[in-house]
Amino acid sequence: MPKRFFQRKIVRLALVLIVCFVLIQLFVPRLDNPPVTEDLQAPVEVKSILRRACYDCHSNETKLAWFDKPAPAYWLVADHVKEGRALLNFSHWDSLTIDQQKAKLFESLNQMVFKEMPFSQYTTFHGDARVSEDDIRVLRKYLASLAPPKLADSAAIQAAYDQYMKWTRNSGSPSDVRPELNGLAFMPDYKDWSPISSTERWDNGTMRVIMGNPVAVKAVKEGHTNPWPDGAAFAKVDWKQLLRPSGEIEPGEFVQVELMVKDKNKYAATDGWGWGRWKGDQLKPYGKSASFVTECMHCHQPMHDHDFVFTSPVNWAARPGADTAVPGVLGWKAITSKIDKSNETMSILYGNDAAVDAARRGVAYPSGAQLTNVTWKLKEDEHWYGANVPDSLVRVLRVDTMKYITSQRASVMP
């Protein structure tokens, strides 16, 4: 009797599960493949990799396997496709500018390098979507060919000079800078924070200095950067690269400033960080809606083991034989930066308050002004293919040891 009773229970349970399975097939979200307006154009070997690794979630050419179609698997697949198309849709390639297209390709490659994409749960059942090291090499070679050439462009030099003159006449930030649409307010004192690193972005022809507020600088000095403490904030200041006839690269026109503010409770829904970006010298908020932060989070996802921060603070450990007569100046402000490709170095010109104030007004340095040019060896950024960052310290030069420092004009920071 107990055995037969147990068997009947099993049969009834199986029947209930079958009925439930059949019923849930009636409640599935719609997943269409709308028309393709313009597809990505790329070499056959590149397109082949992207098609098998990306197109099921990032195009209007989604092809479902038989085991993807029944609910509840279909619910998960449909949600991933909807999210994937919102972030990047190769079928609407014409909706992006040329620069945005390149940026999306570099971001996609970096997601693959860090094995964030394709999702591991997807490749478990779709083995052909896996990306191999050979695939990575093919994509790296192709994307390197898309990097903008470095030219000594007289028009770019003039545009940068015009922007600089306008900025020195109207020192400070515009008075009507709006908050980002997620509510993060612009922080006009970002320019007075201390540089903690710099970046050459050869993938898009820009260069950057990353500033940290006093909380972030204290964390750097104490080695408490993973995780960063609440209250830490970064400003990633971005300029077009300006190639001088000497071959050195300087900041040209100001492009944008991006802010990250750490508050693990306030910004719990966005990985513990508040995100914002303001473009152009009028500091126009980037976001078209509060959902723009999805882009930020997706881009920074590979850095989840580094508290979602790409930047590693500059290395103050000197190379053998380096000139380090002047102690570290972490805590001073940035005047400008430079990249010397012939020597494979990058530098930041630091100044005390008197020096920075004069540089930003475009006037002669007064008595009491102090400047220090710090140079690091350049290395490939291990966190982003398409960038170079500071490596080991090469030299620290005071203004009286190298006169050309005083001829460098301040980088525009509205």
Foldseek 3Di string as FASTA:
>chain_A
DVVVVVVVVVVVVVVVVVVVQVVCLVPADDQALDAQPDADDDDPLLVVLCCLFPQLQAESPNDDDPVCRGPPSVVVSRVSSVVNNVQHYRSVCVVDDPLVNLVVLQLVLLCLVLPVGPPPVVCVPRVSNRADPVSSVVSLVRLVVQFDDADQDPVQQVQQVVVLVVCLVVPFADPDADAAQLRHRDDRCQQFFFFFWKKQQRSHQKIWTKGKHPQQLVCVVVVNVQPRDAFIKIKIWMAGWHQDPVRKTWGGFTFKIKMWGAACVVVVVLLRIDIWMFTHSNRHTDDPHSCVSVNLSSSLVSCVRRSSDQDDGAAAAADVPAAPVDPDPGSFGFFTKMARVVQQKIKTKGKHPQQNVCLSNVHARDPPIWIKIWMAHWDQRPSGSRMIIGDHTHYIDICVVPVCVRVDHGRDDD
